[in-house]
């Protein structure tokens, strides 16, 4: 379970855990849309099970964004005591910075949610 979680955080294939799901390596705050492979080049695991498979990843992205909004709002408003307007703009700023990271991790989480490990 721990290795599965580490592979998810690293964005590795859920089956072989060797190749990255996305073929572009980016930092946390990179504003271009990451490119995703169709299949793992190491084990031929198909990431998109059917057309429209990643539609559900939008809900995961929404959940990540809401968690980030709440966390940043609590930090800015309640801990750092910024005025509400600055808190609002700070939350929007970080939402834009983390949008591609949310895109990437929502797809990775969605793939891992529907991956069933093969028992030998």
PDB file of N, CA and C in Angstrom:
ATOM      1  N   UNK A   1       0.817  -1.197   0.000  1.00  0.00           N
ATOM      2  CA  UNK A   1       0.000   0.000   0.000  1.00  0.00           C
ATOM      3  C   UNK A   1       0.860   1.259   0.000  1.00  0.00           C
ATOM      4  N   UNK A   2       1.946   1.244   0.773  1.00  0.00           N
ATOM      5  CA  UNK A   2       2.828   2.407   0.824  1.00  0.00           C
ATOM      6  C   UNK A   2       3.526   2.613  -0.507  1.00  0.00           C
ATOM      7  N   UNK A   3       3.933   1.519  -1.156  1.00  0.00           N
ATOM      8  CA  UNK A   3       4.597   1.655  -2.453  1.00  0.00           C
ATOM      9  C   UNK A   3       3.613   2.156  -3.505  1.00  0.00           C
ATOM     10  N   UNK A   4       2.347   1.755  -3.390  1.00  0.00           N
ATOM     11  CA  UNK A   4       1.312   2.226  -4.314  1.00  0.00           C
ATOM     12  C   UNK A   4       1.126   3.735  -4.143  1.00  0.00           C
ATOM     13  N   UNK A   5       1.104   4.203  -2.905  1.00  0.00           N
ATOM     14  CA  UNK A   5       0.936   5.627  -2.631  1.00  0.00           C
ATOM     15  C   UNK A   5       2.137   6.430  -3.129  1.00  0.00           C
ATOM     16  N   UNK A   6       3.338   5.918  -2.924  1.00  0.00           N
ATOM     17  CA  UNK A   6       4.539   6.600  -3.416  1.00  0.00           C
ATOM     18  C   UNK A   6       4.557   6.649  -4.940  1.00  0.00           C
ATOM     19  N   UNK A   7       4.129   5.578  -5.583  1.00  0.00           N
ATOM     20  CA  UNK A   7       4.059   5.561  -7.046  1.00  0.00           C
ATOM     21  C   UNK A   7       3.044   6.578  -7.547  1.00  0.00           C
ATOM     22  N   UNK A   8       1.931   6.719  -6.829  1.00  0.00           N
ATOM     23  CA  UNK A   8       0.923   7.711  -7.189  1.00  0.00           C
ATOM     24  C   UNK A   8       1.514   9.112  -7.082  1.00  0.00           C
ATOM     25  N   UNK A   9       2.205   9.399  -5.979  1.00  0.00           N
ATOM     26  CA  UNK A   9       2.803  10.727  -5.800  1.00  0.00           C
ATOM     27  C   UNK A   9       3.860  11.028  -6.855  1.00  0.00           C
ATOM     28  N   UNK A  10       4.600  10.005  -7.264  1.00  0.00           N
ATOM     29  CA  UNK A  10       5.637  10.187  -8.281  1.00  0.00           C
ATOM     30  C   UNK A  10       5.064  10.189  -9.693  1.00  0.00           C
ATOM     31  N   UNK A  11       3.792   9.789  -9.847  1.00  0.00           N
ATOM     32  CA  UNK A  11       3.156   9.767 -11.159  1.00  0.00           C
ATOM     33  C   UNK A  11       3.607   8.605 -12.023  1.00  0.00           C
ATOM     34  N   UNK A  12       3.900   7.484 -11.397  1.00  0.00           N
ATOM     35  CA  UNK A  12       4.380   6.311 -12.128  1.00  0.00           C
ATOM     36  C   UNK A  12       3.211   5.425 -12.549  1.00  0.00           C
ATOM     37  N   UNK A  13       3.459   4.570 -13.515  1.00  0.00           N
ATOM     38  CA  UNK A  13       2.478   3.599 -13.994  1.00  0.00           C
ATOM     39  C   UNK A  13       2.027   2.724 -12.823  1.00  0.00           C
ATOM     40  N   UNK A  14       0.714   2.491 -12.668  1.00  0.00           N
ATOM     41  CA  UNK A  14       0.263   1.679 -11.537  1.00  0.00           C
ATOM     42  C   UNK A  14       0.637   0.201 -11.657  1.00  0.00           C
ATOM     43  N   UNK A  15       0.893  -0.251 -12.865  1.00  0.00           N
ATOM     44  CA  UNK A  15       1.209  -1.663 -13.051  1.00  0.00           C
ATOM     45  C   UNK A  15       2.687  -1.969 -12.824  1.00  0.00           C
ATOM     46  N   UNK A  16       3.577  -1.290 -13.549  1.00  0.00           N
ATOM     47  CA  UNK A  16       5.009  -1.598 -13.433  1.00  0.00           C
ATOM     48  C   UNK A  16       5.738  -0.670 -12.461  1.00  0.00           C
ATOM     49  N   UNK A  17       5.172   0.494 -12.196  1.00  0.00           N
ATOM     50  CA  UNK A  17       5.753   1.490 -11.276  1.00  0.00           C
ATOM     51  C   UNK A  17       7.138   1.973 -11.704  1.00  0.00           C
ATOM     52  N   UNK A  18       7.419   1.889 -13.012  1.00  0.00           N
ATOM     53  CA  UNK A  18       8.733   2.306 -13.512  1.00  0.00           C
ATOM     54  C   UNK A  18       8.657   3.570 -14.368  1.00  0.00           C
ATOM     55  N   UNK A  19       7.732   3.622 -15.309  1.00  0.00           N
ATOM     56  CA  UNK A  19       7.627   4.762 -16.229  1.00  0.00           C
ATOM     57  C   UNK A  19       6.628   5.786 -15.708  1.00  0.00           C
ATOM     58  N   UNK A  20       6.888   7.030 -16.050  1.00  0.00           N
ATOM     59  CA  UNK A  20       5.989   8.113 -15.675  1.00  0.00           C
ATOM     60  C   UNK A  20       4.759   8.105 -16.585  1.00  0.00           C
ATOM     61  N   UNK A  21       3.601   8.411 -16.020  1.00  0.00           N
ATOM     62  CA  UNK A  21       2.364   8.473 -16.797  1.00  0.00           C
ATOM     63  C   UNK A  21       2.415   9.651 -17.759  1.00  0.00           C
ATOM     64  N   UNK A  22       2.954  10.766 -17.298  1.00  0.00           N
ATOM     65  CA  UNK A  22       3.086  11.949 -18.141  1.00  0.00           C
ATOM     66  C   UNK A  22       4.497  11.992 -18.699  1.00  0.00           C
ATOM     67  N   UNK A  23       4.618  12.295 -19.994  1.00  0.00           N
ATOM     68  CA  UNK A  23       5.942  12.245 -20.621  1.00  0.00           C
ATOM     69  C   UNK A  23       6.704  13.555 -20.518  1.00  0.00           C
ATOM     70  N   UNK A  24       6.148  14.550 -19.864  1.00  0.00           N
ATOM     71  CA  UNK A  24       6.873  15.797 -19.626  1.00  0.00           C
ATOM     72  C   UNK A  24       7.084  15.954 -18.128  1.00  0.00           C
ATOM     73  N   UNK A  25       8.304  16.223 -17.737  1.00  0.00           N
ATOM     74  CA  UNK A  25       8.611  16.429 -16.324  1.00  0.00           C
ATOM     75  C   UNK A  25       8.459  17.915 -16.032  1.00  0.00           C
ATOM     76  N   UNK A  26       7.630  18.226 -15.040  1.00  0.00           N
ATOM     77  CA  UNK A  26       7.371  19.618 -14.710  1.00  0.00           C
ATOM     78  C   UNK A  26       7.499  19.824 -13.217  1.00  0.00           C
ATOM     79  N   UNK A  27       7.713  21.067 -12.868  1.00  0.00           N
ATOM     80  CA  UNK A  27       7.734  21.414 -11.460  1.00  0.00           C
ATOM     81  C   UNK A  27       6.315  21.560 -10.940  1.00  0.00           C
ATOM     82  N   UNK A  28       6.189  21.986  -9.711  1.00  0.00           N
ATOM     83  CA  UNK A  28       4.881  22.136  -9.091  1.00  0.00           C
ATOM     84  C   UNK A  28       4.088  23.285  -9.706  1.00  0.00           C
ATOM     85  N   UNK A  29       4.753  24.378 -10.039  1.00  0.00           N
ATOM     86  CA  UNK A  29       4.068  25.559 -10.558  1.00  0.00           C
ATOM     87  C   UNK A  29       4.428  25.801 -12.019  1.00  0.00           C
ATOM     88  N   UNK A  30       4.076  24.909 -12.904  1.00  0.00           N
ATOM     89  CA  UNK A  30       4.386  25.071 -14.319  1.00  0.00           C
ATOM     90  C   UNK A  30       3.075  25.226 -15.064  1.00  0.00           C
ATOM     91  N   UNK A  31       2.947  26.256 -15.883  1.00  0.00           N
ATOM     92  CA  UNK A  31       1.644  26.608 -16.434  1.00  0.00           C
ATOM     93  C   UNK A  31       1.346  26.070 -17.832  1.00  0.00           C
ATOM     94  N   UNK A  32       2.021  25.037 -18.287  1.00  0.00           N
ATOM     95  CA  UNK A  32       1.622  24.420 -19.549  1.00  0.00           C
ATOM     96  C   UNK A  32       0.953  23.085 -19.248  1.00  0.00           C
ATOM     97  N   UNK A  33       0.030  22.685 -20.115  1.00  0.00           N
ATOM     98  CA  UNK A  33      -0.710  21.445 -19.881  1.00  0.00           C
ATOM     99  C   UNK A  33       0.211  20.258 -20.108  1.00  0.00           C
ATOM    100  N   UNK A  34       0.313  19.367 -19.121  1.00  0.00           N
ATOM    101  CA  UNK A  34       1.200  18.209 -19.268  1.00  0.00           C
ATOM    102  C   UNK A  34       0.690  17.253 -20.339  1.00  0.00           C
ATOM    103  N   UNK A  35       1.613  16.625 -21.039  1.00  0.00           N
ATOM    104  CA  UNK A  35       1.252  15.652 -22.072  1.00  0.00           C
ATOM    105  C   UNK A  35       1.296  14.258 -21.472  1.00  0.00           C
ATOM    106  N   UNK A  36       0.246  13.497 -21.763  1.00  0.00           N
ATOM    107  CA  UNK A  36       0.114  12.172 -21.173  1.00  0.00           C
ATOM    108  C   UNK A  36       0.278  11.110 -22.251  1.00  0.00           C
ATOM    109  N   UNK A  37       0.990  10.045 -21.906  1.00  0.00           N
ATOM    110  CA  UNK A  37       1.108   8.911 -22.819  1.00  0.00           C
ATOM    111  C   UNK A  37      -0.212   8.145 -22.846  1.00  0.00           C
ATOM    112  N   UNK A  38      -0.488   7.461 -23.963  1.00  0.00           N
ATOM    113  CA  UNK A  38      -1.693   6.631 -24.065  1.00  0.00           C
ATOM    114  C   UNK A  38      -1.517   5.308 -23.329  1.00  0.00           C
ATOM    115  N   UNK A  39      -0.311   4.747 -23.465  1.00  0.00           N
ATOM    116  CA  UNK A  39       0.019   3.480 -22.801  1.00  0.00           C
ATOM    117  C   UNK A  39       1.399   3.617 -22.160  1.00  0.00           C
ATOM    118  N   UNK A  40       1.661   2.775 -21.175  1.00  0.00           N
ATOM    119  CA  UNK A  40       2.984   2.742 -20.557  1.00  0.00           C
ATOM    120  C   UNK A  40       3.958   2.124 -21.554  1.00  0.00           C
ATOM    121  N   UNK A  41       5.063   2.779 -21.777  1.00  0.00           N
ATOM    122  CA  UNK A  41       6.041   2.279 -22.746  1.00  0.00           C
ATOM    123  C   UNK A  41       6.853   1.117 -22.189  1.00  0.00           C
ATOM    124  N   UNK A  42       6.722   0.846 -20.899  1.00  0.00           N
ATOM    125  CA  UNK A  42       7.450  -0.263 -20.284  1.00  0.00           C
ATOM    126  C   UNK A  42       6.623  -1.555 -20.283  1.00  0.00           C
ATOM    127  N   UNK A  43       5.345  -1.457 -19.859  1.00  0.00           N
ATOM    128  CA  UNK A  43       4.526  -2.669 -19.703  1.00  0.00           C
ATOM    129  C   UNK A  43       3.271  -2.677 -20.573  1.00  0.00           C
ATOM    130  N   UNK A  44       3.061  -1.650 -21.402  1.00  0.00           N
ATOM    131  CA  UNK A  44       1.900  -1.518 -22.296  1.00  0.00           C
ATOM    132  C   UNK A  44       0.565  -1.432 -21.551  1.00  0.00           C
ATOM    133  N   UNK A  45       0.582  -0.932 -20.321  1.00  0.00           N
ATOM    134  CA  UNK A  45      -0.658  -0.714 -19.577  1.00  0.00           C
ATOM    135  C   UNK A  45      -1.392   0.462 -20.205  1.00  0.00           C
ATOM    136  N   UNK A  46      -2.668   0.258 -20.561  1.00  0.00           N
ATOM    137  CA  UNK A  46      -3.462   1.303 -21.205  1.00  0.00           C
ATOM    138  C   UNK A  46      -4.088   2.185 -20.122  1.00  0.00           C
ATOM    139  N   UNK A  47      -3.769   3.481 -20.155  1.00  0.00           N
ATOM    140  CA  UNK A  47      -4.249   4.404 -19.129  1.00  0.00           C
ATOM    141  C   UNK A  47      -5.721   4.753 -19.305  1.00  0.00           C
ATOM    142  N   UNK A  48      -6.139   5.040 -20.529  1.00  0.00           N
ATOM    143  CA  UNK A  48      -7.523   5.418 -20.787  1.00  0.00           C
ATOM    144  C   UNK A  48      -8.304   4.163 -21.144  1.00  0.00           C
ATOM    145  N   UNK A  49      -9.152   3.713 -20.218  1.00  0.00           N
ATOM    146  CA  UNK A  49      -9.862   2.448 -20.383  1.00  0.00           C
ATOM    147  C   UNK A  49     -10.894   2.494 -21.504  1.00  0.00           C
ATOM    148  N   UNK A  50     -11.527   3.638 -21.679  1.00  0.00           N
ATOM    149  CA  UNK A  50     -12.554   3.809 -22.704  1.00  0.00           C
ATOM    150  C   UNK A  50     -12.642   5.294 -23.032  1.00  0.00           C
ATOM    151  N   UNK A  51     -13.260   5.640 -24.166  1.00  0.00           N
ATOM    152  CA  UNK A  51     -13.413   7.067 -24.482  1.00  0.00           C
ATOM    153  C   UNK A  51     -14.208   7.774 -23.377  1.00  0.00           C
ATOM    154  N   UNK A  52     -13.719   8.909 -22.963  1.00  0.00           N
ATOM    155  CA  UNK A  52     -14.369   9.666 -21.901  1.00  0.00           C
ATOM    156  C   UNK A  52     -14.027   9.186 -20.503  1.00  0.00           C
ATOM    157  N   UNK A  53     -13.038   8.309 -20.390  1.00  0.00           N
ATOM    158  CA  UNK A  53     -12.652   7.754 -19.084  1.00  0.00           C
ATOM    159  C   UNK A  53     -12.246   8.848 -18.104  1.00  0.00           C
ATOM    160  N   UNK A  54     -11.570   9.870 -18.594  1.00  0.00           N
ATOM    161  CA  UNK A  54     -11.052  10.907 -17.700  1.00  0.00           C
ATOM    162  C   UNK A  54     -12.073  11.998 -17.383  1.00  0.00           C
ATOM    163  N   UNK A  55     -13.314  11.815 -17.818  1.00  0.00           N
ATOM    164  CA  UNK A  55     -14.367  12.753 -17.441  1.00  0.00           C
ATOM    165  C   UNK A  55     -14.520  12.788 -15.918  1.00  0.00           C
ATOM    166  N   UNK A  56     -14.398  11.641 -15.285  1.00  0.00           N
ATOM    167  CA  UNK A  56     -14.507  11.561 -13.829  1.00  0.00           C
ATOM    168  C   UNK A  56     -13.363  12.238 -13.105  1.00  0.00           C
ATOM    169  N   UNK A  57     -12.233  12.394 -13.789  1.00  0.00           N
ATOM    170  CA  UNK A  57     -11.083  13.057 -13.169  1.00  0.00           C
ATOM    171  C   UNK A  57     -11.384  14.530 -12.888  1.00  0.00           C
ATOM    172  N   UNK A  58     -12.378  15.088 -13.588  1.00  0.00           N
ATOM    173  CA  UNK A  58     -12.765  16.474 -13.312  1.00  0.00           C
ATOM    174  C   UNK A  58     -13.304  16.610 -11.891  1.00  0.00           C
ATOM    175  N   UNK A  59     -14.004  15.583 -11.406  1.00  0.00           N
ATOM    176  CA  UNK A  59     -14.533  15.625 -10.046  1.00  0.00           C
ATOM    177  C   UNK A  59     -13.408  15.532  -9.023  1.00  0.00           C
ATOM    178  N   UNK A  60     -12.393  14.743  -9.335  1.00  0.00           N
ATOM    179  CA  UNK A  60     -11.221  14.663  -8.461  1.00  0.00           C
ATOM    180  C   UNK A  60     -10.510  16.014  -8.445  1.00  0.00           C
ATOM    181  N   UNK A  61     -10.388  16.638  -9.611  1.00  0.00           N
ATOM    182  CA  UNK A  61      -9.756  17.952  -9.703  1.00  0.00           C
ATOM    183  C   UNK A  61     -10.540  18.988  -8.894  1.00  0.00           C
ATOM    184  N   UNK A  62     -11.851  18.901  -8.964  1.00  0.00           N
ATOM    185  CA  UNK A  62     -12.698  19.812  -8.189  1.00  0.00           C
ATOM    186  C   UNK A  62     -12.457  19.623  -6.690  1.00  0.00           C
ATOM    187  N   UNK A  63     -12.382  18.379  -6.243  1.00  0.00           N
ATOM    188  CA  UNK A  63     -12.139  18.099  -4.821  1.00  0.00           C
ATOM    189  C   UNK A  63     -10.771  18.622  -4.387  1.00  0.00           C
ATOM    190  N   UNK A  64      -9.756  18.437  -5.228  1.00  0.00           N
ATOM    191  CA  UNK A  64      -8.425  18.965  -4.913  1.00  0.00           C
ATOM    192  C   UNK A  64      -8.456  20.490  -4.815  1.00  0.00           C
ATOM    193  N   UNK A  65      -9.140  21.130  -5.762  1.00  0.00           N
ATOM    194  CA  UNK A  65      -9.210  22.594  -5.779  1.00  0.00           C
ATOM    195  C   UNK A  65      -9.931  23.127  -4.539  1.00  0.00           C
ATOM    196  N   UNK A  66     -11.024  22.487  -4.151  1.00  0.00           N
ATOM    197  CA  UNK A  66     -11.759  22.931  -2.957  1.00  0.00           C
ATOM    198  C   UNK A  66     -10.888  22.783  -1.712  1.00  0.00           C
ATOM    199  N   UNK A  67     -10.172  21.668  -1.598  1.00  0.00           N
ATOM    200  CA  UNK A  67      -9.280  21.464  -0.449  1.00  0.00           C
ATOM    201  C   UNK A  67      -8.189  22.535  -0.415  1.00  0.00           C
ATOM    202  N   UNK A  68      -7.640  22.869  -1.583  1.00  0.00           N
ATOM    203  CA  UNK A  68      -6.620  23.923  -1.645  1.00  0.00           C
ATOM    204  C   UNK A  68      -7.210  25.280  -1.287  1.00  0.00           C
ATOM    205  N   UNK A  69      -8.406  25.586  -1.807  1.00  0.00           N
ATOM    206  CA  UNK A  69      -9.054  26.862  -1.495  1.00  0.00           C
ATOM    207  C   UNK A  69      -9.238  27.013   0.009  1.00  0.00           C
ATOM    208  N   UNK A  70      -9.769  25.991   0.638  1.00  0.00           N
ATOM    209  CA  UNK A  70     -10.024  26.047   2.077  1.00  0.00           C
ATOM    210  C   UNK A  70      -8.712  26.194   2.845  1.00  0.00           C
ATOM    211  N   UNK A  71      -7.708  25.413   2.471  1.00  0.00           N
ATOM    212  CA  UNK A  71      -6.416  25.469   3.171  1.00  0.00           C
ATOM    213  C   UNK A  71      -5.779  26.850   3.047  1.00  0.00           C
ATOM    214  N   UNK A  72      -5.741  27.386   1.831  1.00  0.00           N
ATOM    215  CA  UNK A  72      -5.135  28.704   1.640  1.00  0.00           C
ATOM    216  C   UNK A  72      -5.954  29.801   2.324  1.00  0.00           C
ATOM    217  N   UNK A  73      -7.270  29.694   2.277  1.00  0.00           N
ATOM    218  CA  UNK A  73      -8.107  30.703   2.926  1.00  0.00           C
ATOM    219  C   UNK A  73      -7.898  30.691   4.436  1.00  0.00           C
ATOM    220  N   UNK A  74      -7.807  29.516   5.022  1.00  0.00           N
ATOM    221  CA  UNK A  74      -7.567  29.418   6.466  1.00  0.00           C
ATOM    222  C   UNK A  74      -6.213  30.021   6.818  1.00  0.00           C
ATOM    223  N   UNK A  75      -5.194  29.690   6.037  1.00  0.00           N
ATOM    224  CA  UNK A  75      -3.852  30.220   6.317  1.00  0.00           C
ATOM    225  C   UNK A  75      -3.825  31.737   6.159  1.00  0.00           C
ATOM    226  N   UNK A  76      -4.335  32.241   5.030  1.00  0.00           N
ATOM    227  CA  UNK A  76      -4.271  33.679   4.776  1.00  0.00           C
ATOM    228  C   UNK A  76      -5.140  34.484   5.741  1.00  0.00           C
ATOM    229  N   UNK A  77      -6.373  34.028   5.956  1.00  0.00           N
ATOM    230  CA  UNK A  77      -7.319  34.843   6.722  1.00  0.00           C
ATOM    231  C   UNK A  77      -7.183  34.650   8.232  1.00  0.00           C
ATOM    232  N   UNK A  78      -7.125  33.396   8.679  1.00  0.00           N
ATOM    233  CA  UNK A  78      -7.159  33.138  10.117  1.00  0.00           C
ATOM    234  C   UNK A  78      -5.780  33.109  10.766  1.00  0.00           C
ATOM    235  N   UNK A  79      -4.778  32.665  10.035  1.00  0.00           N
ATOM    236  CA  UNK A  79      -3.446  32.560  10.638  1.00  0.00           C
ATOM    237  C   UNK A  79      -2.609  33.813  10.368  1.00  0.00           C
ATOM    238  N   UNK A  80      -2.568  34.241   9.101  1.00  0.00           N
ATOM    239  CA  UNK A  80      -1.770  35.424   8.754  1.00  0.00           C
ATOM    240  C   UNK A  80      -2.548  36.732   8.902  1.00  0.00           C
ATOM    241  N   UNK A  81      -3.875  36.654   9.115  1.00  0.00           N
ATOM    242  CA  UNK A  81      -4.747  37.811   9.334  1.00  0.00           C
ATOM    243  C   UNK A  81      -4.717  38.809   8.174  1.00  0.00           C
ATOM    244  N   UNK A  82      -4.709  38.287   6.947  1.00  0.00           N
ATOM    245  CA  UNK A  82      -4.833  39.156   5.777  1.00  0.00           C
ATOM    246  C   UNK A  82      -6.286  39.620   5.667  1.00  0.00           C
ATOM    247  N   UNK A  83      -6.506  40.806   5.098  1.00  0.00           N
ATOM    248  CA  UNK A  83      -7.887  41.236   4.838  1.00  0.00           C
ATOM    249  C   UNK A  83      -8.559  40.272   3.850  1.00  0.00           C
ATOM    250  N   UNK A  84      -9.875  40.245   3.878  1.00  0.00           N
ATOM    251  CA  UNK A  84     -10.632  39.290   3.065  1.00  0.00           C
ATOM    252  C   UNK A  84     -10.354  39.457   1.567  1.00  0.00           C
ATOM    253  N   UNK A  85     -10.149  40.690   1.108  1.00  0.00           N
ATOM    254  CA  UNK A  85      -9.868  40.912  -0.311  1.00  0.00           C
ATOM    255  C   UNK A  85      -8.517  40.321  -0.702  1.00  0.00           C
ATOM    256  N   UNK A  86      -7.509  40.514   0.120  1.00  0.00           N
ATOM    257  CA  UNK A  86      -6.189  39.921  -0.150  1.00  0.00           C
ATOM    258  C   UNK A  86      -6.253  38.398  -0.082  1.00  0.00           C
ATOM    259  N   UNK A  87      -7.045  37.901   0.851  1.00  0.00           N
ATOM    260  CA  UNK A  87      -7.226  36.449   0.951  1.00  0.00           C
ATOM    261  C   UNK A  87      -7.854  35.913  -0.324  1.00  0.00           C
ATOM    262  N   UNK A  88      -8.868  36.598  -0.814  1.00  0.00           N
ATOM    263  CA  UNK A  88      -9.537  36.185  -2.050  1.00  0.00           C
ATOM    264  C   UNK A  88      -8.558  36.149  -3.216  1.00  0.00           C
ATOM    265  N   UNK A  89      -7.798  37.221  -3.389  1.00  0.00           N
ATOM    266  CA  UNK A  89      -6.845  37.260  -4.500  1.00  0.00           C
ATOM    267  C   UNK A  89      -5.706  36.258  -4.314  1.00  0.00           C
ATOM    268  N   UNK A  90      -5.298  36.029  -3.087  1.00  0.00           N
ATOM    269  CA  UNK A  90      -4.270  35.018  -2.815  1.00  0.00           C
ATOM    270  C   UNK A  90      -4.742  33.625  -3.176  1.00  0.00           C
ATOM    271  N   UNK A  91      -5.978  33.311  -2.820  1.00  0.00           N
ATOM    272  CA  UNK A  91      -6.548  32.001  -3.149  1.00  0.00           C
ATOM    273  C   UNK A  91      -6.651  31.839  -4.661  1.00  0.00           C
ATOM    274  N   UNK A  92      -7.105  32.861  -5.361  1.00  0.00           N
ATOM    275  CA  UNK A  92      -7.206  32.804  -6.829  1.00  0.00           C
ATOM    276  C   UNK A  92      -5.824  32.645  -7.450  1.00  0.00           C
ATOM    277  N   UNK A  93      -4.845  33.367  -6.944  1.00  0.00           N
ATOM    278  CA  UNK A  93      -3.478  33.272  -7.456  1.00  0.00           C
ATOM    279  C   UNK A  93      -2.940  31.849  -7.327  1.00  0.00           C
ATOM    280  N   UNK A  94      -3.093  31.254  -6.146  1.00  0.00           N
ATOM    281  CA  UNK A  94      -2.595  29.893  -5.953  1.00  0.00           C
ATOM    282  C   UNK A  94      -3.415  28.871  -6.735  1.00  0.00           C
ATOM    283  N   UNK A  95      -4.690  29.142  -6.943  1.00  0.00           N
ATOM    284  CA  UNK A  95      -5.510  28.235  -7.758  1.00  0.00           C
ATOM    285  C   UNK A  95      -4.999  28.205  -9.195  1.00  0.00           C
ATOM    286  N   UNK A  96      -4.624  29.364  -9.717  1.00  0.00           N
ATOM    287  CA  UNK A  96      -4.070  29.407 -11.074  1.00  0.00           C
ATOM    288  C   UNK A  96      -2.712  28.725 -11.142  1.00  0.00           C
ATOM    289  N   UNK A  97      -1.891  28.934 -10.122  1.00  0.00           N
ATOM    290  CA  UNK A  97      -0.576  28.291 -10.107  1.00  0.00           C
ATOM    291  C   UNK A  97      -0.674  26.767 -10.027  1.00  0.00           C
ATOM    292  N   UNK A  98      -1.636  26.280  -9.283  1.00  0.00           N
ATOM    293  CA  UNK A  98      -1.758  24.834  -9.078  1.00  0.00           C
ATOM    294  C   UNK A  98      -2.696  24.150 -10.074  1.00  0.00           C
ATOM    295  N   UNK A  99      -3.211  24.882 -11.056  1.00  0.00           N
ATOM    296  CA  UNK A  99      -4.187  24.294 -11.976  1.00  0.00           C
ATOM    297  C   UNK A  99      -3.617  23.130 -12.782  1.00  0.00           C
ATOM    298  N   UNK A 100      -2.400  23.255 -13.282  1.00  0.00           N
ATOM    299  CA  UNK A 100      -1.836  22.142 -14.057  1.00  0.00           C
ATOM    300  C   UNK A 100      -1.437  20.982 -13.152  1.00  0.00           C
ATOM    301  N   UNK A 101      -1.047  21.282 -11.935  1.00  0.00           N
ATOM    302  CA  UNK A 101      -0.749  20.213 -10.977  1.00  0.00           C
ATOM    303  C   UNK A 101      -2.028  19.454 -10.636  1.00  0.00           C
ATOM    304  N   UNK A 102      -3.129  20.178 -10.469  1.00  0.00           N
ATOM    305  CA  UNK A 102      -4.419  19.523 -10.229  1.00  0.00           C
ATOM    306  C   UNK A 102      -4.829  18.670 -11.418  1.00  0.00           C
ATOM    307  N   UNK A 103      -4.620  19.187 -12.617  1.00  0.00           N
ATOM    308  CA  UNK A 103      -4.938  18.432 -13.834  1.00  0.00           C
ATOM    309  C   UNK A 103      -4.176  17.115 -13.846  1.00  0.00           C
ATOM    310  N   UNK A 104      -2.903  17.201 -13.569  1.00  0.00           N
ATOM    311  CA  UNK A 104      -2.032  16.028 -13.605  1.00  0.00           C
ATOM    312  C   UNK A 104      -2.413  15.019 -12.521  1.00  0.00           C
ATOM    313  N   UNK A 105      -2.514  15.476 -11.295  1.00  0.00           N
ATOM    314  CA  UNK A 105      -2.786  14.551 -10.199  1.00  0.00           C
ATOM    315  C   UNK A 105      -4.221  14.039 -10.188  1.00  0.00           C
ATOM    316  N   UNK A 106      -5.163  14.795 -10.724  1.00  0.00           N
ATOM    317  CA  UNK A 106      -6.525  14.271 -10.798  1.00  0.00           C
ATOM    318  C   UNK A 106      -6.587  13.087 -11.755  1.00  0.00           C
ATOM    319  N   UNK A 107      -5.867  13.152 -12.857  1.00  0.00           N
ATOM    320  CA  UNK A 107      -5.818  12.014 -13.783  1.00  0.00           C
ATOM    321  C   UNK A 107      -5.074  10.828 -13.177  1.00  0.00           C
ATOM    322  N   UNK A 108      -3.982  11.104 -12.487  1.00  0.00           N
ATOM    323  CA  UNK A 108      -3.219  10.024 -11.859  1.00  0.00           C
ATOM    324  C   UNK A 108      -4.069   9.336 -10.790  1.00  0.00           C
ATOM    325  N   UNK A 109      -4.736  10.110  -9.953  1.00  0.00           N
ATOM    326  CA  UNK A 109      -5.598   9.531  -8.916  1.00  0.00           C
ATOM    327  C   UNK A 109      -6.721   8.724  -9.552  1.00  0.00           C
ATOM    328  N   UNK A 110      -7.305   9.247 -10.634  1.00  0.00           N
ATOM    329  CA  UNK A 110      -8.399   8.548 -11.314  1.00  0.00           C
ATOM    330  C   UNK A 110      -7.919   7.210 -11.888  1.00  0.00           C
ATOM    331  N   UNK A 111      -6.744   7.180 -12.449  1.00  0.00           N
ATOM    332  CA  UNK A 111      -6.178   5.925 -12.972  1.00  0.00           C
ATOM    333  C   UNK A 111      -5.983   4.934 -11.826  1.00  0.00           C
ATOM    334  N   UNK A 112      -5.416   5.396 -10.728  1.00  0.00           N
ATOM    335  CA  UNK A 112      -5.152   4.513  -9.587  1.00  0.00           C
ATOM    336  C   UNK A 112      -6.438   4.028  -8.922  1.00  0.00           C
ATOM    337  N   UNK A 113      -7.510   4.835  -8.952  1.00  0.00           N
ATOM    338  CA  UNK A 113      -8.780   4.406  -8.373  1.00  0.00           C
ATOM    339  C   UNK A 113      -9.344   3.180  -9.087  1.00  0.00           C
ATOM    340  N   UNK A 114      -9.115   3.092 -10.386  1.00  0.00           N
ATOM    341  CA  UNK A 114      -9.691   2.004 -11.172  1.00  0.00           C
ATOM    342  C   UNK A 114      -8.682   0.922 -11.533  1.00  0.00           C
ATOM    343  N   UNK A 115      -7.505   0.967 -10.945  1.00  0.00           N
ATOM    344  CA  UNK A 115      -6.500  -0.066 -11.203  1.00  0.00           C
ATOM    345  C   UNK A 115      -6.680  -1.210 -10.218  1.00  0.00           C
ATOM    346  N   UNK A 116      -6.758  -2.405 -10.748  1.00  0.00           N
ATOM    347  CA  UNK A 116      -6.823  -3.600  -9.914  1.00  0.00           C
ATOM    348  C   UNK A 116      -5.556  -4.400 -10.141  1.00  0.00           C
ATOM    349  N   UNK A 117      -4.840  -4.640  -9.054  1.00  0.00           N
ATOM    350  CA  UNK A 117      -3.582  -5.368  -9.157  1.00  0.00           C
ATOM    351  C   UNK A 117      -3.862  -6.828  -9.497  1.00  0.00           C
ATOM    352  N   UNK A 118      -3.090  -7.346 -10.445  1.00  0.00           N
ATOM    353  CA  UNK A 118      -3.268  -8.740 -10.859  1.00  0.00           C
ATOM    354  C   UNK A 118      -2.613  -9.661  -9.844  1.00  0.00           C
ATOM    355  N   UNK A 119      -3.383 -10.618  -9.362  1.00  0.00           N
ATOM    356  CA  UNK A 119      -2.857 -11.610  -8.410  1.00  0.00           C
ATOM    357  C   UNK A 119      -2.273 -12.778  -9.197  1.00  0.00           C
ATOM    358  N   UNK A 120      -1.098 -13.217  -8.798  1.00  0.00           N
ATOM    359  CA  UNK A 120      -0.443 -14.310  -9.524  1.00  0.00           C
ATOM    360  C   UNK A 120      -0.815 -15.661  -8.958  1.00  0.00           C
TER     361      UNK A 120
END
